[in-house]
PDB file of all heavy atoms in Angstrom:
ATOM      1  N   GLU A   1      -7.290  36.686 -10.422  1.00  0.00           N
ATOM      2  CA  GLU A   1      -8.150  37.043 -11.699  1.00  0.00           C
ATOM      3  C   GLU A   1      -8.163  38.536 -11.888  1.00  0.00           C
ATOM      4  O   GLU A   1      -7.695  39.402 -10.942  1.00  0.00           O
ATOM      5  CB  GLU A   1      -9.439  36.495 -11.511  1.00  0.00           C
ATOM      6  CG  GLU A   1     -10.352  37.258 -10.351  1.00  0.00           C
ATOM      7  CD  GLU A   1     -11.693  36.683 -10.272  1.00  0.00           C
ATOM      8  OE1 GLU A   1     -12.316  36.132 -11.237  1.00  0.00           O
ATOM      9  OE2 GLU A   1     -12.255  36.659  -9.009  1.00  0.00           O
ATOM     10  N   GLY A   2      -8.811  38.989 -12.939  1.00  0.00           N
ATOM     11  CA  GLY A   2      -9.011  40.293 -13.227  1.00  0.00           C
ATOM     12  C   GLY A   2      -7.887  40.933 -13.979  1.00  0.00           C
ATOM     13  O   GLY A   2      -6.865  40.375 -14.580  1.00  0.00           O
ATOM     14  N   LEU A   3      -8.065  42.359 -14.115  1.00  0.00           N
ATOM     15  CA  LEU A   3      -7.116  43.104 -14.851  1.00  0.00           C
ATOM     16  C   LEU A   3      -6.301  44.185 -14.060  1.00  0.00           C
ATOM     17  O   LEU A   3      -5.911  45.286 -14.532  1.00  0.00           O
ATOM     18  CB  LEU A   3      -7.852  43.863 -16.025  1.00  0.00           C
ATOM     19  CG  LEU A   3      -8.692  42.963 -17.029  1.00  0.00           C
ATOM     20  CD1 LEU A   3      -9.521  43.799 -17.933  1.00  0.00           C
ATOM     21  CD2 LEU A   3      -7.671  42.055 -17.723  1.00  0.00           C
ATOM     22  N   SER A   4      -6.008  43.765 -12.916  1.00  0.00           N
ATOM     23  CA  SER A   4      -5.057  44.595 -12.110  1.00  0.00           C
ATOM     24  C   SER A   4      -3.567  44.366 -12.554  1.00  0.00           C
ATOM     25  O   SER A   4      -3.364  43.319 -13.252  1.00  0.00           O
ATOM     26  CB  SER A   4      -5.087  44.105 -10.635  1.00  0.00           C
ATOM     27  OG  SER A   4      -4.585  42.809 -10.408  1.00  0.00           O
ATOM     28  N   ARG A   5      -2.743  45.191 -12.244  1.00  0.00           N
ATOM     29  CA  ARG A   5      -1.277  45.101 -12.610  1.00  0.00           C
ATOM     30  C   ARG A   5      -0.840  43.698 -12.003  1.00  0.00           C
ATOM     31  O   ARG A   5       0.018  43.087 -12.639  1.00  0.00           O
ATOM     32  CB  ARG A   5      -0.498  46.235 -12.164  1.00  0.00           C
ATOM     33  CG  ARG A   5       0.977  46.106 -12.205  1.00  0.00           C
ATOM     34  CD  ARG A   5       1.755  47.393 -11.746  1.00  0.00           C
ATOM     35  NE  ARG A   5       1.705  48.314 -12.789  1.00  0.00           N
ATOM     36  CZ  ARG A   5       2.599  48.423 -13.881  1.00  0.00           C
ATOM     37  NH1 ARG A   5       3.554  47.503 -14.066  1.00  0.00           N
ATOM     38  NH2 ARG A   5       2.374  49.306 -14.751  1.00  0.00           N
ATOM     39  N   ALA A   6      -1.188  43.464 -10.661  1.00  0.00           N
ATOM     40  CA  ALA A   6      -0.683  42.306 -10.004  1.00  0.00           C
ATOM     41  C   ALA A   6      -1.079  41.016 -10.798  1.00  0.00           C
ATOM     42  O   ALA A   6      -0.181  40.195 -10.983  1.00  0.00           O
ATOM     43  CB  ALA A   6      -1.348  42.277  -8.585  1.00  0.00           C
ATOM     44  N   HIS A   7      -2.370  40.913 -11.358  1.00  0.00           N
ATOM     45  CA  HIS A   7      -2.732  39.768 -11.964  1.00  0.00           C
ATOM     46  C   HIS A   7      -2.122  39.672 -13.447  1.00  0.00           C
ATOM     47  O   HIS A   7      -1.629  38.641 -13.841  1.00  0.00           O
ATOM     48  CB  HIS A   7      -4.235  39.599 -11.985  1.00  0.00           C
ATOM     49  CG  HIS A   7      -4.632  38.323 -12.824  1.00  0.00           C
ATOM     50  ND1 HIS A   7      -4.438  37.071 -12.267  1.00  0.00           N
ATOM     51  CD2 HIS A   7      -5.312  38.142 -13.983  1.00  0.00           C
ATOM     52  CE1 HIS A   7      -4.899  36.232 -13.126  1.00  0.00           C
ATOM     53  NE2 HIS A   7      -5.456  36.769 -14.112  1.00  0.00           N
ATOM     54  N   ILE A   8      -2.172  40.793 -14.067  1.00  0.00           N
ATOM     55  CA  ILE A   8      -1.661  40.893 -15.479  1.00  0.00           C
ATOM     56  C   ILE A   8      -0.194  40.393 -15.588  1.00  0.00           C
ATOM     57  O   ILE A   8       0.204  39.566 -16.474  1.00  0.00           O
ATOM     58  CB  ILE A   8      -1.875  42.169 -16.158  1.00  0.00           C
ATOM     59  CG1 ILE A   8      -3.338  42.386 -16.436  1.00  0.00           C
ATOM     60  CG2 ILE A   8      -1.101  42.265 -17.418  1.00  0.00           C
ATOM     61  CD1 ILE A   8      -3.716  43.868 -16.883  1.00  0.00           C
ATOM     62  N   MET A   9       0.567  41.024 -14.614  1.00  0.00           N
ATOM     63  CA  MET A   9       2.073  40.581 -14.678  1.00  0.00           C
ATOM     64  C   MET A   9       2.350  39.245 -14.465  1.00  0.00           C
ATOM     65  O   MET A   9       3.265  38.510 -15.020  1.00  0.00           O
ATOM     66  CB  MET A   9       2.768  41.578 -13.788  1.00  0.00           C
ATOM     67  CG  MET A   9       2.822  42.978 -14.127  1.00  0.00           C
ATOM     68  SD  MET A   9       3.528  43.271 -15.753  1.00  0.00           S
ATOM     69  CE  MET A   9       3.424  45.085 -15.914  1.00  0.00           C
ATOM     70  N   THR A  10       1.639  38.736 -13.546  1.00  0.00           N
ATOM     71  CA  THR A  10       1.740  37.224 -13.203  1.00  0.00           C
ATOM     72  C   THR A  10       1.191  36.379 -14.415  1.00  0.00           C
ATOM     73  O   THR A  10       1.821  35.358 -14.820  1.00  0.00           O
ATOM     74  CB  THR A  10       1.058  36.863 -11.886  1.00  0.00           C
ATOM     75  OG1 THR A  10       1.670  37.547 -10.845  1.00  0.00           O
ATOM     76  CG2 THR A  10       1.221  35.407 -11.617  1.00  0.00           C
ATOM     77  N   ALA A  11       0.124  36.694 -14.852  1.00  0.00           N
ATOM     78  CA  ALA A  11      -0.514  35.896 -15.918  1.00  0.00           C
ATOM     79  C   ALA A  11       0.171  35.880 -17.233  1.00  0.00           C
ATOM     80  O   ALA A  11       0.333  34.709 -17.804  1.00  0.00           O
ATOM     81  CB  ALA A  11      -1.970  36.439 -16.219  1.00  0.00           C
ATOM     82  N   ILE A  12       0.778  36.969 -17.587  1.00  0.00           N
ATOM     83  CA  ILE A  12       1.566  36.977 -18.899  1.00  0.00           C
ATOM     84  C   ILE A  12       2.749  35.960 -18.787  1.00  0.00           C
ATOM     85  O   ILE A  12       3.014  35.210 -19.774  1.00  0.00           O
ATOM     86  CB  ILE A  12       2.057  38.285 -19.368  1.00  0.00           C
ATOM     87  CG1 ILE A  12       2.776  38.278 -20.806  1.00  0.00           C
ATOM     88  CG2 ILE A  12       2.899  39.024 -18.284  1.00  0.00           C
ATOM     89  CD1 ILE A  12       1.754  37.867 -21.938  1.00  0.00           C
ATOM     90  N   ASP A  13       3.480  36.011 -17.653  1.00  0.00           N
ATOM     91  CA  ASP A  13       4.610  35.104 -17.554  1.00  0.00           C
ATOM     92  C   ASP A  13       4.207  33.590 -17.449  1.00  0.00           C
ATOM     93  O   ASP A  13       4.795  32.738 -18.083  1.00  0.00           O
ATOM     94  CB  ASP A  13       5.310  35.378 -16.258  1.00  0.00           C
ATOM     95  CG  ASP A  13       6.105  36.628 -16.290  1.00  0.00           C
ATOM     96  OD1 ASP A  13       6.406  37.121 -17.489  1.00  0.00           O
ATOM     97  OD2 ASP A  13       6.547  37.196 -15.198  1.00  0.00           O
ATOM     98  N   ALA A  14       2.972  33.278 -16.873  1.00  0.00           N
ATOM     99  CA  ALA A  14       2.484  32.066 -16.865  1.00  0.00           C
ATOM    100  C   ALA A  14       2.112  31.571 -18.196  1.00  0.00           C
ATOM    101  O   ALA A  14       2.220  30.480 -18.616  1.00  0.00           O
ATOM    102  CB  ALA A  14       1.278  31.894 -15.836  1.00  0.00           C
ATOM    103  N   THR A  15       1.406  32.448 -19.024  1.00  0.00           N
ATOM    104  CA  THR A  15       0.968  32.167 -20.394  1.00  0.00           C
ATOM    105  C   THR A  15       2.219  31.686 -21.179  1.00  0.00           C
ATOM    106  O   THR A  15       2.274  30.838 -21.950  1.00  0.00           O
ATOM    107  CB  THR A  15       0.198  33.232 -21.021  1.00  0.00           C
ATOM    108  OG1 THR A  15      -1.131  33.219 -20.424  1.00  0.00           O
ATOM    109  CG2 THR A  15       0.109  33.272 -22.472  1.00  0.00           C
ATOM    110  N   LEU A  16       3.197  32.660 -21.180  1.00  0.00           N
ATOM    111  CA  LEU A  16       4.503  32.350 -21.920  1.00  0.00           C
ATOM    112  C   LEU A  16       5.101  31.094 -21.647  1.00  0.00           C
ATOM    113  O   LEU A  16       5.554  30.372 -22.468  1.00  0.00           O
ATOM    114  CB  LEU A  16       5.445  33.542 -21.733  1.00  0.00           C
ATOM    115  CG  LEU A  16       4.975  34.887 -22.263  1.00  0.00           C
ATOM    116  CD1 LEU A  16       6.057  35.981 -22.073  1.00  0.00           C
ATOM    117  CD2 LEU A  16       4.542  34.804 -23.745  1.00  0.00           C
ATOM    118  N   ARG A  17       5.057  30.717 -20.323  1.00  0.00           N
ATOM    119  CA  ARG A  17       5.594  29.412 -19.907  1.00  0.00           C
ATOM    120  C   ARG A  17       4.822  28.205 -20.476  1.00  0.00           C
ATOM    121  O   ARG A  17       5.338  27.302 -20.934  1.00  0.00           O
ATOM    122  CB  ARG A  17       5.676  29.269 -18.400  1.00  0.00           C
ATOM    123  CG  ARG A  17       6.698  30.039 -17.642  1.00  0.00           C
ATOM    124  CD  ARG A  17       6.933  29.634 -16.294  1.00  0.00           C
ATOM    125  NE  ARG A  17       5.757  29.793 -15.483  1.00  0.00           N
ATOM    126  CZ  ARG A  17       5.432  30.793 -14.796  1.00  0.00           C
ATOM    127  NH1 ARG A  17       6.273  31.867 -14.769  1.00  0.00           N
ATOM    128  NH2 ARG A  17       4.277  30.886 -14.059  1.00  0.00           N
ATOM    129  N   ARG A  18       3.547  28.356 -20.484  1.00  0.00           N
ATOM    130  CA  ARG A  18       2.653  27.403 -20.953  1.00  0.00           C
ATOM    131  C   ARG A  18       2.802  27.096 -22.428  1.00  0.00           C
ATOM    132  O   ARG A  18       2.831  26.084 -23.178  1.00  0.00           O
ATOM    133  CB  ARG A  18       1.186  27.513 -20.542  1.00  0.00           C
ATOM    134  CG  ARG A  18       0.936  27.302 -19.059  1.00  0.00           C
ATOM    135  CD  ARG A  18      -0.494  27.221 -18.854  1.00  0.00           C
ATOM    136  NE  ARG A  18      -1.062  28.426 -18.964  1.00  0.00           N
ATOM    137  CZ  ARG A  18      -1.246  29.383 -17.861  1.00  0.00           C
ATOM    138  NH1 ARG A  18      -0.908  29.010 -16.713  1.00  0.00           N
ATOM    139  NH2 ARG A  18      -1.730  30.626 -18.086  1.00  0.00           N
ATOM    140  N   LEU A  19       2.883  28.325 -23.168  1.00  0.00           N
ATOM    141  CA  LEU A  19       2.990  28.304 -24.591  1.00  0.00           C
ATOM    142  C   LEU A  19       4.541  28.007 -25.156  1.00  0.00           C
ATOM    143  O   LEU A  19       4.633  27.522 -26.191  1.00  0.00           O
ATOM    144  CB  LEU A  19       2.642  29.629 -25.176  1.00  0.00           C
ATOM    145  CG  LEU A  19       1.074  29.965 -25.118  1.00  0.00           C
ATOM    146  CD1 LEU A  19       0.939  31.373 -25.462  1.00  0.00           C
ATOM    147  CD2 LEU A  19       0.367  29.102 -26.192  1.00  0.00           C
ATOM    148  N   GLY A  20       5.473  28.067 -24.217  1.00  0.00           N
ATOM    149  CA  GLY A  20       6.857  27.730 -24.544  1.00  0.00           C
ATOM    150  C   GLY A  20       7.351  28.818 -25.552  1.00  0.00           C
ATOM    151  O   GLY A  20       8.117  28.466 -26.453  1.00  0.00           O
ATOM    152  N   THR A  21       6.992  30.053 -25.369  1.00  0.00           N
ATOM    153  CA  THR A  21       7.507  31.052 -26.259  1.00  0.00           C
ATOM    154  C   THR A  21       7.920  32.273 -25.427  1.00  0.00           C
ATOM    155  O   THR A  21       7.518  32.452 -24.181  1.00  0.00           O
ATOM    156  CB  THR A  21       6.476  31.528 -27.164  1.00  0.00           C
ATOM    157  OG1 THR A  21       6.877  32.532 -28.135  1.00  0.00           O
ATOM    158  CG2 THR A  21       5.174  32.058 -26.562  1.00  0.00           C
ATOM    159  N   ASP A  22       8.697  33.166 -26.086  1.00  0.00           N
ATOM    160  CA  ASP A  22       9.210  34.372 -25.433  1.00  0.00           C
ATOM    161  C   ASP A  22       8.127  35.509 -25.475  1.00  0.00           C
ATOM    162  O   ASP A  22       8.172  36.515 -24.669  1.00  0.00           O
ATOM    163  CB  ASP A  22      10.559  34.874 -25.896  1.00  0.00           C
ATOM    164  CG  ASP A  22      11.613  33.819 -25.681  1.00  0.00           C
ATOM    165  OD1 ASP A  22      11.490  33.263 -24.710  1.00  0.00           O
ATOM    166  OD2 ASP A  22      12.636  33.833 -26.596  1.00  0.00           O
ATOM    167  N   TYR A  23       7.232  35.376 -26.439  1.00  0.00           N
ATOM    168  CA  TYR A  23       6.301  36.528 -26.607  1.00  0.00           C
ATOM    169  C   TYR A  23       4.889  35.952 -27.245  1.00  0.00           C
ATOM    170  O   TYR A  23       5.028  34.890 -27.877  1.00  0.00           O
ATOM    171  CB  TYR A  23       6.846  37.765 -27.522  1.00  0.00           C
ATOM    172  CG  TYR A  23       7.047  37.228 -28.842  1.00  0.00           C
ATOM    173  CD1 TYR A  23       6.148  37.389 -29.863  1.00  0.00           C
ATOM    174  CD2 TYR A  23       8.208  36.420 -29.257  1.00  0.00           C
ATOM    175  CE1 TYR A  23       6.247  36.968 -31.174  1.00  0.00           C
ATOM    176  CE2 TYR A  23       8.379  36.001 -30.562  1.00  0.00           C
ATOM    177  CZ  TYR A  23       7.481  36.312 -31.474  1.00  0.00           C
ATOM    178  OH  TYR A  23       7.696  35.880 -32.874  1.00  0.00           O
ATOM    179  N   VAL A  24       3.869  36.677 -27.014  1.00  0.00           N
ATOM    180  CA  VAL A  24       2.762  36.407 -27.783  1.00  0.00           C
ATOM    181  C   VAL A  24       2.454  37.577 -28.730  1.00  0.00           C
ATOM    182  O   VAL A  24       2.920  38.729 -28.429  1.00  0.00           O
ATOM    183  CB  VAL A  24       1.320  36.375 -26.835  1.00  0.00           C
ATOM    184  CG1 VAL A  24       1.413  34.998 -26.196  1.00  0.00           C
ATOM    185  CG2 VAL A  24       1.286  37.573 -26.040  1.00  0.00           C
ATOM    186  N   ASP A  25       1.992  37.246 -29.856  1.00  0.00           N
ATOM    187  CA  ASP A  25       1.831  38.418 -30.932  1.00  0.00           C
ATOM    188  C   ASP A  25       0.594  39.278 -30.491  1.00  0.00           C
ATOM    189  O   ASP A  25       0.737  40.508 -30.791  1.00  0.00           O
ATOM    190  CB  ASP A  25       1.501  37.835 -32.265  1.00  0.00           C
ATOM    191  CG  ASP A  25       2.664  36.847 -32.686  1.00  0.00           C
ATOM    192  OD1 ASP A  25       3.614  37.425 -33.309  1.00  0.00           O
ATOM    193  OD2 ASP A  25       2.660  35.671 -32.492  1.00  0.00           O
ATOM    194  N   LEU A  26      -0.464  38.754 -29.883  1.00  0.00           N
ATOM    195  CA  LEU A  26      -1.597  39.464 -29.466  1.00  0.00           C
ATOM    196  C   LEU A  26      -2.067  39.222 -28.198  1.00  0.00           C
ATOM    197  O   LEU A  26      -2.385  37.945 -28.021  1.00  0.00           O
ATOM    198  CB  LEU A  26      -2.736  39.262 -30.507  1.00  0.00           C
ATOM    199  CG  LEU A  26      -3.904  40.162 -30.345  1.00  0.00           C
ATOM    200  CD1 LEU A  26      -3.729  41.643 -30.485  1.00  0.00           C
ATOM    201  CD2 LEU A  26      -5.083  39.594 -31.325  1.00  0.00           C
ATOM    202  N   TYR A  27      -2.018  40.056 -27.261  1.00  0.00           N
ATOM    203  CA  TYR A  27      -2.368  39.678 -25.844  1.00  0.00           C
ATOM    204  C   TYR A  27      -3.659  40.644 -25.571  1.00  0.00           C
ATOM    205  O   TYR A  27      -3.735  41.728 -25.711  1.00  0.00           O
ATOM    206  CB  TYR A  27      -1.353  40.245 -24.935  1.00  0.00           C
ATOM    207  CG  TYR A  27      -1.346  39.542 -23.363  1.00  0.00           C
ATOM    208  CD1 TYR A  27      -1.684  38.188 -23.373  1.00  0.00           C
ATOM    209  CD2 TYR A  27      -1.298  40.291 -22.243  1.00  0.00           C
ATOM    210  CE1 TYR A  27      -1.789  37.622 -22.122  1.00  0.00           C
ATOM    211  CE2 TYR A  27      -1.328  39.697 -21.023  1.00  0.00           C
ATOM    212  CZ  TYR A  27      -1.660  38.407 -20.975  1.00  0.00           C
ATOM    213  OH  TYR A  27      -1.697  37.800 -19.627  1.00  0.00           O
ATOM    214  N   GLN A  28      -4.694  39.838 -25.198  1.00  0.00           N
ATOM    215  CA  GLN A  28      -6.097  40.420 -25.187  1.00  0.00           C
ATOM    216  C   GLN A  28      -6.624  40.347 -23.671  1.00  0.00           C
ATOM    217  O   GLN A  28      -6.469  39.317 -23.054  1.00  0.00           O
ATOM    218  CB  GLN A  28      -7.013  39.685 -26.143  1.00  0.00           C
ATOM    219  CG  GLN A  28      -6.580  39.624 -27.586  1.00  0.00           C
ATOM    220  CD  GLN A  28      -7.055  38.312 -28.422  1.00  0.00           C
ATOM    221  OE1 GLN A  28      -8.140  38.595 -29.013  1.00  0.00           O
ATOM    222  NE2 GLN A  28      -6.588  37.240 -28.123  1.00  0.00           N
ATOM    223  N   ILE A  29      -7.327  41.429 -23.358  1.00  0.00           N
ATOM    224  CA  ILE A  29      -8.124  41.346 -22.170  1.00  0.00           C
ATOM    225  C   ILE A  29      -9.327  40.629 -22.248  1.00  0.00           C
ATOM    226  O   ILE A  29     -10.165  40.821 -23.281  1.00  0.00           O
ATOM    227  CB  ILE A  29      -8.293  42.752 -21.556  1.00  0.00           C
ATOM    228  CG1 ILE A  29      -9.116  43.689 -22.556  1.00  0.00           C
ATOM    229  CG2 ILE A  29      -6.889  43.356 -21.177  1.00  0.00           C
ATOM    230  CD1 ILE A  29      -9.471  44.985 -21.836  1.00  0.00           C
TER     231      ILE A  29
END
């Protein structure tokens, strides 16, 4: 959890996999 580099980098890849897209238009903390 949280806003460390370690979590953010893992979280964005997991989000993209779940959404089935290469990018999100807006990524929010």
